[in-house]
N, C-alpha and C. Protein backbone atom coordinates (compact mmCIF):
# COMPACT_ATOMS: atom_id res chain seq x y z
N UNK A 1 29.50 -11.34 -12.40
CA UNK A 1 29.08 -12.34 -11.43
C UNK A 1 27.97 -11.74 -10.55
N UNK A 2 26.88 -12.45 -10.43
CA UNK A 2 25.76 -12.02 -9.60
C UNK A 2 26.02 -12.47 -8.17
N UNK A 3 25.77 -11.51 -7.23
CA UNK A 3 25.93 -11.84 -5.81
C UNK A 3 24.82 -11.16 -5.02
N UNK A 4 24.60 -11.60 -3.79
CA UNK A 4 23.54 -10.98 -2.98
C UNK A 4 23.79 -9.49 -2.77
N UNK A 5 22.69 -8.76 -2.57
CA UNK A 5 22.79 -7.33 -2.26
C UNK A 5 22.67 -7.21 -0.75
N UNK A 6 23.77 -6.83 -0.11
CA UNK A 6 23.81 -6.78 1.35
C UNK A 6 23.87 -5.37 1.93
N UNK A 7 24.21 -4.39 1.08
CA UNK A 7 24.37 -3.03 1.60
C UNK A 7 24.12 -2.03 0.47
N UNK A 8 24.20 -0.75 0.81
CA UNK A 8 23.92 0.31 -0.15
C UNK A 8 24.89 0.28 -1.33
N UNK A 9 26.14 -0.03 -1.06
CA UNK A 9 27.14 -0.10 -2.15
C UNK A 9 26.78 -1.21 -3.15
N UNK A 10 26.43 -2.38 -2.65
CA UNK A 10 26.00 -3.49 -3.52
C UNK A 10 24.75 -3.09 -4.31
N UNK A 11 23.84 -2.41 -3.63
CA UNK A 11 22.59 -1.97 -4.27
C UNK A 11 22.88 -1.02 -5.43
N UNK A 12 23.71 -0.02 -5.18
CA UNK A 12 24.03 0.96 -6.22
C UNK A 12 24.74 0.30 -7.40
N UNK A 13 25.62 -0.64 -7.12
CA UNK A 13 26.32 -1.35 -8.20
C UNK A 13 25.32 -2.17 -9.03
N UNK A 14 24.37 -2.80 -8.35
CA UNK A 14 23.37 -3.61 -9.05
C UNK A 14 22.46 -2.74 -9.92
N UNK A 15 22.06 -1.59 -9.40
CA UNK A 15 21.22 -0.68 -10.17
C UNK A 15 21.97 -0.17 -11.40
N UNK A 16 23.25 0.14 -11.23
CA UNK A 16 24.06 0.59 -12.36
C UNK A 16 24.19 -0.51 -13.41
N UNK A 17 24.35 -1.75 -12.97
CA UNK A 17 24.46 -2.88 -13.90
C UNK A 17 23.14 -3.07 -14.65
N UNK A 18 22.01 -2.93 -13.96
CA UNK A 18 20.71 -3.04 -14.61
C UNK A 18 20.57 -1.99 -15.70
N UNK A 19 21.03 -0.79 -15.42
CA UNK A 19 20.96 0.28 -16.43
C UNK A 19 21.75 -0.10 -17.68
N UNK A 20 22.88 -0.74 -17.51
CA UNK A 20 23.69 -1.16 -18.67
C UNK A 20 23.03 -2.32 -19.42
N UNK A 21 22.28 -3.15 -18.70
CA UNK A 21 21.66 -4.33 -19.31
C UNK A 21 20.24 -4.07 -19.82
N UNK A 22 19.71 -2.89 -19.61
CA UNK A 22 18.30 -2.60 -19.83
C UNK A 22 17.77 -3.03 -21.20
N UNK A 23 18.56 -2.89 -22.25
CA UNK A 23 18.10 -3.22 -23.60
C UNK A 23 18.48 -4.63 -24.05
N UNK A 24 18.84 -5.50 -23.11
CA UNK A 24 19.24 -6.87 -23.46
C UNK A 24 18.06 -7.60 -24.09
N UNK A 25 18.36 -8.38 -25.11
CA UNK A 25 17.33 -9.14 -25.81
C UNK A 25 16.94 -10.38 -25.00
N UNK A 26 15.63 -10.67 -24.92
CA UNK A 26 15.19 -11.89 -24.24
C UNK A 26 15.87 -13.12 -24.82
N UNK A 27 16.18 -14.06 -23.94
CA UNK A 27 16.82 -15.29 -24.37
C UNK A 27 18.34 -15.23 -24.33
N UNK A 28 18.90 -14.07 -24.05
CA UNK A 28 20.36 -13.93 -23.96
C UNK A 28 20.80 -14.03 -22.51
N UNK A 29 22.06 -14.38 -22.29
CA UNK A 29 22.58 -14.42 -20.91
C UNK A 29 22.46 -13.05 -20.22
N UNK A 30 22.59 -11.97 -21.00
CA UNK A 30 22.47 -10.63 -20.42
C UNK A 30 21.05 -10.38 -19.91
N UNK A 31 20.06 -10.85 -20.67
CA UNK A 31 18.66 -10.68 -20.23
C UNK A 31 18.39 -11.51 -18.99
N UNK A 32 18.95 -12.72 -18.93
CA UNK A 32 18.81 -13.55 -17.73
C UNK A 32 19.40 -12.83 -16.52
N UNK A 33 20.57 -12.23 -16.71
CA UNK A 33 21.22 -11.47 -15.63
C UNK A 33 20.34 -10.30 -15.21
N UNK A 34 19.75 -9.62 -16.17
CA UNK A 34 18.86 -8.50 -15.89
C UNK A 34 17.68 -8.95 -15.02
N UNK A 35 17.07 -10.07 -15.37
CA UNK A 35 15.93 -10.57 -14.58
C UNK A 35 16.34 -10.94 -13.16
N UNK A 36 17.47 -11.60 -13.01
CA UNK A 36 17.93 -12.00 -11.68
C UNK A 36 18.27 -10.76 -10.85
N UNK A 37 18.97 -9.81 -11.44
CA UNK A 37 19.29 -8.59 -10.71
C UNK A 37 18.03 -7.83 -10.31
N UNK A 38 17.04 -7.81 -11.18
CA UNK A 38 15.77 -7.15 -10.85
C UNK A 38 15.12 -7.77 -9.63
N UNK A 39 15.16 -9.09 -9.54
CA UNK A 39 14.60 -9.79 -8.39
C UNK A 39 15.40 -9.47 -7.12
N UNK A 40 16.71 -9.47 -7.22
CA UNK A 40 17.56 -9.15 -6.07
C UNK A 40 17.34 -7.71 -5.59
N UNK A 41 17.24 -6.79 -6.53
CA UNK A 41 17.01 -5.38 -6.19
C UNK A 41 15.65 -5.22 -5.52
N UNK A 42 14.64 -5.85 -6.07
CA UNK A 42 13.30 -5.77 -5.49
C UNK A 42 13.31 -6.30 -4.06
N UNK A 43 13.95 -7.42 -3.82
CA UNK A 43 14.03 -8.00 -2.48
C UNK A 43 14.76 -7.04 -1.52
N UNK A 44 15.86 -6.48 -1.95
CA UNK A 44 16.62 -5.55 -1.10
C UNK A 44 15.78 -4.32 -0.77
N UNK A 45 15.10 -3.76 -1.75
CA UNK A 45 14.28 -2.57 -1.53
C UNK A 45 13.14 -2.86 -0.55
N UNK A 46 12.51 -4.02 -0.68
CA UNK A 46 11.42 -4.38 0.23
C UNK A 46 11.92 -4.55 1.66
N UNK A 47 13.12 -5.09 1.82
CA UNK A 47 13.69 -5.24 3.17
C UNK A 47 14.18 -3.91 3.73
N UNK A 48 14.78 -3.10 2.89
CA UNK A 48 15.39 -1.83 3.33
C UNK A 48 14.35 -0.72 3.52
N UNK A 49 13.41 -0.63 2.62
CA UNK A 49 12.40 0.43 2.65
C UNK A 49 11.00 -0.18 2.55
N UNK A 50 10.57 -0.91 3.58
CA UNK A 50 9.24 -1.55 3.49
C UNK A 50 8.14 -0.50 3.43
N UNK A 51 7.10 -0.82 2.71
CA UNK A 51 5.94 0.07 2.59
C UNK A 51 4.82 -0.56 3.41
N UNK A 52 4.41 0.15 4.42
CA UNK A 52 3.36 -0.34 5.30
C UNK A 52 2.02 -0.30 4.56
N UNK A 53 1.24 -1.33 4.75
CA UNK A 53 -0.09 -1.38 4.13
C UNK A 53 -0.98 -0.31 4.75
N UNK A 54 -1.84 0.26 3.95
CA UNK A 54 -2.78 1.28 4.43
C UNK A 54 -3.75 0.65 5.42
N UNK A 55 -4.15 1.43 6.42
CA UNK A 55 -5.17 0.93 7.34
C UNK A 55 -6.54 1.22 6.75
N UNK A 56 -7.59 0.84 7.46
CA UNK A 56 -8.95 0.97 6.94
C UNK A 56 -9.31 2.42 6.62
N UNK A 57 -8.98 3.35 7.52
CA UNK A 57 -9.33 4.75 7.29
C UNK A 57 -8.58 5.29 6.07
N UNK A 58 -7.30 4.95 5.94
CA UNK A 58 -6.54 5.40 4.77
C UNK A 58 -7.14 4.83 3.48
N UNK A 59 -7.58 3.58 3.52
CA UNK A 59 -8.19 2.95 2.34
C UNK A 59 -9.50 3.67 1.98
N UNK A 60 -10.29 4.01 2.99
CA UNK A 60 -11.54 4.73 2.73
C UNK A 60 -11.26 6.11 2.16
N UNK A 61 -10.31 6.84 2.77
CA UNK A 61 -9.96 8.17 2.27
C UNK A 61 -9.45 8.10 0.82
N UNK A 62 -8.61 7.11 0.52
CA UNK A 62 -8.09 6.96 -0.83
C UNK A 62 -9.22 6.71 -1.81
N UNK A 63 -10.13 5.81 -1.45
CA UNK A 63 -11.25 5.51 -2.34
C UNK A 63 -12.11 6.76 -2.56
N UNK A 64 -12.36 7.49 -1.48
CA UNK A 64 -13.17 8.70 -1.60
C UNK A 64 -12.50 9.71 -2.54
N UNK A 65 -11.20 9.87 -2.39
CA UNK A 65 -10.48 10.81 -3.25
C UNK A 65 -10.54 10.38 -4.72
N UNK A 66 -10.28 9.10 -4.96
CA UNK A 66 -10.26 8.59 -6.34
C UNK A 66 -11.63 8.66 -6.99
N UNK A 67 -12.68 8.42 -6.22
CA UNK A 67 -14.04 8.40 -6.77
C UNK A 67 -14.75 9.75 -6.60
N UNK A 68 -14.00 10.74 -6.10
CA UNK A 68 -14.55 12.08 -5.87
C UNK A 68 -15.80 12.03 -5.00
N UNK A 69 -15.69 11.26 -3.92
CA UNK A 69 -16.77 11.14 -2.95
C UNK A 69 -16.51 12.08 -1.77
N UNK A 70 -17.56 12.48 -1.10
CA UNK A 70 -17.44 13.40 0.02
C UNK A 70 -17.79 12.70 1.34
N UNK A 71 -17.59 13.43 2.41
CA UNK A 71 -17.96 12.91 3.72
C UNK A 71 -19.48 12.67 3.77
N UNK A 72 -20.24 13.48 3.07
CA UNK A 72 -21.69 13.26 3.00
C UNK A 72 -22.02 11.93 2.33
N UNK A 73 -21.25 11.59 1.29
CA UNK A 73 -21.45 10.29 0.63
C UNK A 73 -21.16 9.15 1.61
N UNK A 74 -20.09 9.32 2.39
CA UNK A 74 -19.75 8.31 3.39
C UNK A 74 -20.86 8.22 4.44
N UNK A 75 -21.39 9.36 4.85
CA UNK A 75 -22.47 9.38 5.84
C UNK A 75 -23.69 8.61 5.34
N UNK A 76 -23.99 8.72 4.06
CA UNK A 76 -25.14 7.98 3.50
C UNK A 76 -24.92 6.47 3.61
N UNK A 77 -23.68 6.03 3.42
CA UNK A 77 -23.39 4.60 3.51
C UNK A 77 -23.42 4.14 4.97
N UNK A 78 -22.86 4.96 5.86
CA UNK A 78 -22.75 4.55 7.26
C UNK A 78 -23.99 4.84 8.09
N UNK A 79 -24.86 5.72 7.59
CA UNK A 79 -26.10 5.98 8.29
C UNK A 79 -26.15 7.27 9.08
N UNK A 80 -25.00 7.96 9.25
CA UNK A 80 -25.05 9.24 9.96
C UNK A 80 -23.80 10.06 9.66
N UNK A 81 -23.99 11.39 9.66
CA UNK A 81 -22.86 12.31 9.44
C UNK A 81 -21.87 12.22 10.60
N UNK A 82 -22.40 12.09 11.82
CA UNK A 82 -21.53 12.02 12.99
C UNK A 82 -20.62 10.79 12.92
N UNK A 83 -21.19 9.66 12.54
CA UNK A 83 -20.42 8.42 12.44
C UNK A 83 -19.32 8.56 11.37
N UNK A 84 -19.64 9.16 10.23
CA UNK A 84 -18.66 9.37 9.17
C UNK A 84 -17.54 10.28 9.66
N UNK A 85 -17.89 11.36 10.32
CA UNK A 85 -16.89 12.30 10.84
C UNK A 85 -15.99 11.63 11.88
N UNK A 86 -16.59 10.90 12.81
CA UNK A 86 -15.81 10.22 13.85
C UNK A 86 -14.86 9.20 13.24
N UNK A 87 -15.32 8.50 12.24
CA UNK A 87 -14.47 7.51 11.58
C UNK A 87 -13.29 8.18 10.88
N UNK A 88 -13.57 9.20 10.08
CA UNK A 88 -12.50 9.87 9.32
C UNK A 88 -11.50 10.59 10.23
N UNK A 89 -11.96 11.01 11.41
CA UNK A 89 -11.06 11.69 12.36
C UNK A 89 -10.50 10.73 13.40
N UNK A 90 -10.72 9.44 13.17
CA UNK A 90 -10.17 8.36 14.00
C UNK A 90 -10.64 8.42 15.45
N UNK A 91 -11.83 8.94 15.67
CA UNK A 91 -12.41 8.92 17.01
C UNK A 91 -13.31 7.71 17.19
N UNK A 92 -13.60 7.00 16.12
CA UNK A 92 -14.43 5.80 16.15
C UNK A 92 -13.77 4.77 15.24
N UNK A 93 -13.78 3.53 15.70
CA UNK A 93 -13.27 2.46 14.87
C UNK A 93 -14.31 2.01 13.85
N UNK A 94 -13.85 1.30 12.87
CA UNK A 94 -14.74 0.78 11.83
C UNK A 94 -15.30 -0.56 12.32
N UNK A 95 -16.60 -0.62 12.51
CA UNK A 95 -17.21 -1.88 12.95
C UNK A 95 -17.32 -2.84 11.76
N UNK A 96 -17.56 -4.08 12.07
CA UNK A 96 -17.73 -5.08 11.01
C UNK A 96 -18.94 -4.73 10.13
N UNK A 97 -20.01 -4.24 10.76
CA UNK A 97 -21.21 -3.86 9.99
C UNK A 97 -20.90 -2.71 9.04
N UNK A 98 -20.14 -1.72 9.51
CA UNK A 98 -19.78 -0.59 8.65
C UNK A 98 -18.88 -1.07 7.51
N UNK A 99 -17.94 -1.95 7.82
CA UNK A 99 -17.05 -2.50 6.79
C UNK A 99 -17.85 -3.23 5.72
N UNK A 100 -18.83 -3.99 6.15
CA UNK A 100 -19.67 -4.72 5.19
C UNK A 100 -20.43 -3.75 4.29
N UNK A 101 -20.99 -2.68 4.89
CA UNK A 101 -21.74 -1.71 4.09
C UNK A 101 -20.82 -1.01 3.09
N UNK A 102 -19.62 -0.64 3.53
CA UNK A 102 -18.68 0.03 2.62
C UNK A 102 -18.25 -0.90 1.50
N UNK A 103 -18.00 -2.14 1.84
CA UNK A 103 -17.60 -3.11 0.81
C UNK A 103 -18.72 -3.28 -0.22
N UNK A 104 -19.94 -3.40 0.25
CA UNK A 104 -21.08 -3.61 -0.65
C UNK A 104 -21.35 -2.37 -1.50
N UNK A 105 -21.29 -1.19 -0.89
CA UNK A 105 -21.64 0.04 -1.59
C UNK A 105 -20.53 0.53 -2.50
N UNK A 106 -19.30 0.49 -2.02
CA UNK A 106 -18.20 1.10 -2.77
C UNK A 106 -17.20 0.09 -3.32
N UNK A 107 -17.41 -1.19 -3.03
CA UNK A 107 -16.54 -2.26 -3.53
C UNK A 107 -15.09 -2.10 -3.07
N UNK A 108 -14.88 -1.50 -1.90
CA UNK A 108 -13.54 -1.44 -1.31
C UNK A 108 -13.23 -2.87 -0.87
N UNK A 109 -12.06 -3.41 -1.23
CA UNK A 109 -11.75 -4.78 -0.84
C UNK A 109 -11.86 -4.99 0.68
N UNK A 110 -12.49 -6.07 1.07
CA UNK A 110 -12.72 -6.36 2.49
C UNK A 110 -11.41 -6.40 3.26
N UNK A 111 -10.35 -6.96 2.67
CA UNK A 111 -9.08 -7.06 3.40
C UNK A 111 -8.52 -5.68 3.75
N UNK A 112 -8.82 -4.67 2.95
CA UNK A 112 -8.39 -3.30 3.27
C UNK A 112 -9.20 -2.73 4.43
N UNK A 113 -10.46 -3.06 4.48
CA UNK A 113 -11.33 -2.53 5.53
C UNK A 113 -11.12 -3.23 6.86
N UNK A 114 -10.56 -4.42 6.85
CA UNK A 114 -10.36 -5.18 8.07
C UNK A 114 -9.02 -4.91 8.75
N UNK A 115 -8.14 -4.15 8.10
CA UNK A 115 -6.87 -3.80 8.74
C UNK A 115 -7.14 -2.83 9.88
N UNK A 116 -6.55 -3.06 11.03
CA UNK A 116 -6.79 -2.16 12.16
C UNK A 116 -6.36 -0.73 11.82
N UNK A 117 -7.21 0.21 12.22
CA UNK A 117 -6.89 1.62 11.99
C UNK A 117 -5.87 2.09 13.01
N UNK A 118 -5.00 2.99 12.58
CA UNK A 118 -4.02 3.59 13.49
C UNK A 118 -4.76 4.49 14.46
N UNK A 119 -4.29 4.55 15.67
CA UNK A 119 -4.90 5.40 16.69
C UNK A 119 -4.52 6.84 16.46
N UNK A 120 -5.41 7.74 16.82
CA UNK A 120 -5.12 9.16 16.77
C UNK A 120 -4.01 9.49 17.74
N UNK A 121 -3.14 10.44 17.40
CA UNK A 121 -2.04 10.86 18.27
C UNK A 121 -2.61 11.32 19.60
N UNK A 122 -1.93 10.93 20.70
CA UNK A 122 -2.34 11.40 22.01
C UNK A 122 -3.43 10.57 22.65
N UNK A 123 -3.89 9.55 21.98
CA UNK A 123 -4.96 8.71 22.50
C UNK A 123 -4.36 7.47 23.17
N UNK A 124 -4.90 7.09 24.26
CA UNK A 124 -4.41 5.92 24.98
C UNK A 124 -4.69 4.66 24.16
N UNK A 125 -3.78 3.69 24.26
CA UNK A 125 -3.93 2.45 23.51
C UNK A 125 -4.85 1.48 24.20
């Protein structure tokens, strides 16, 4: 019987049941149960252990790492080494103009660049 996952015990039981159903053939009641349990588990995990979306600086750093880009590459897009350094060290926010240049040059999704950056520790809000 499928029931909501309300706590860690329910979660562990559901995960164990999924393991037993893993090889169920599509179109069978067992496969239907597997799909429903997968949805319930996913919902519980998202509520219990939410993953915060990356802010603009994290998105830029990730893109730079993946594309093997350097701070100098960022400076070329932003127009100055100082601006790139301040941005990466969270001493300067990302302006709309900078976000547009980064989106155009590096194709970083605009929605990632528009997320507010986290403030540096010790800085007044």
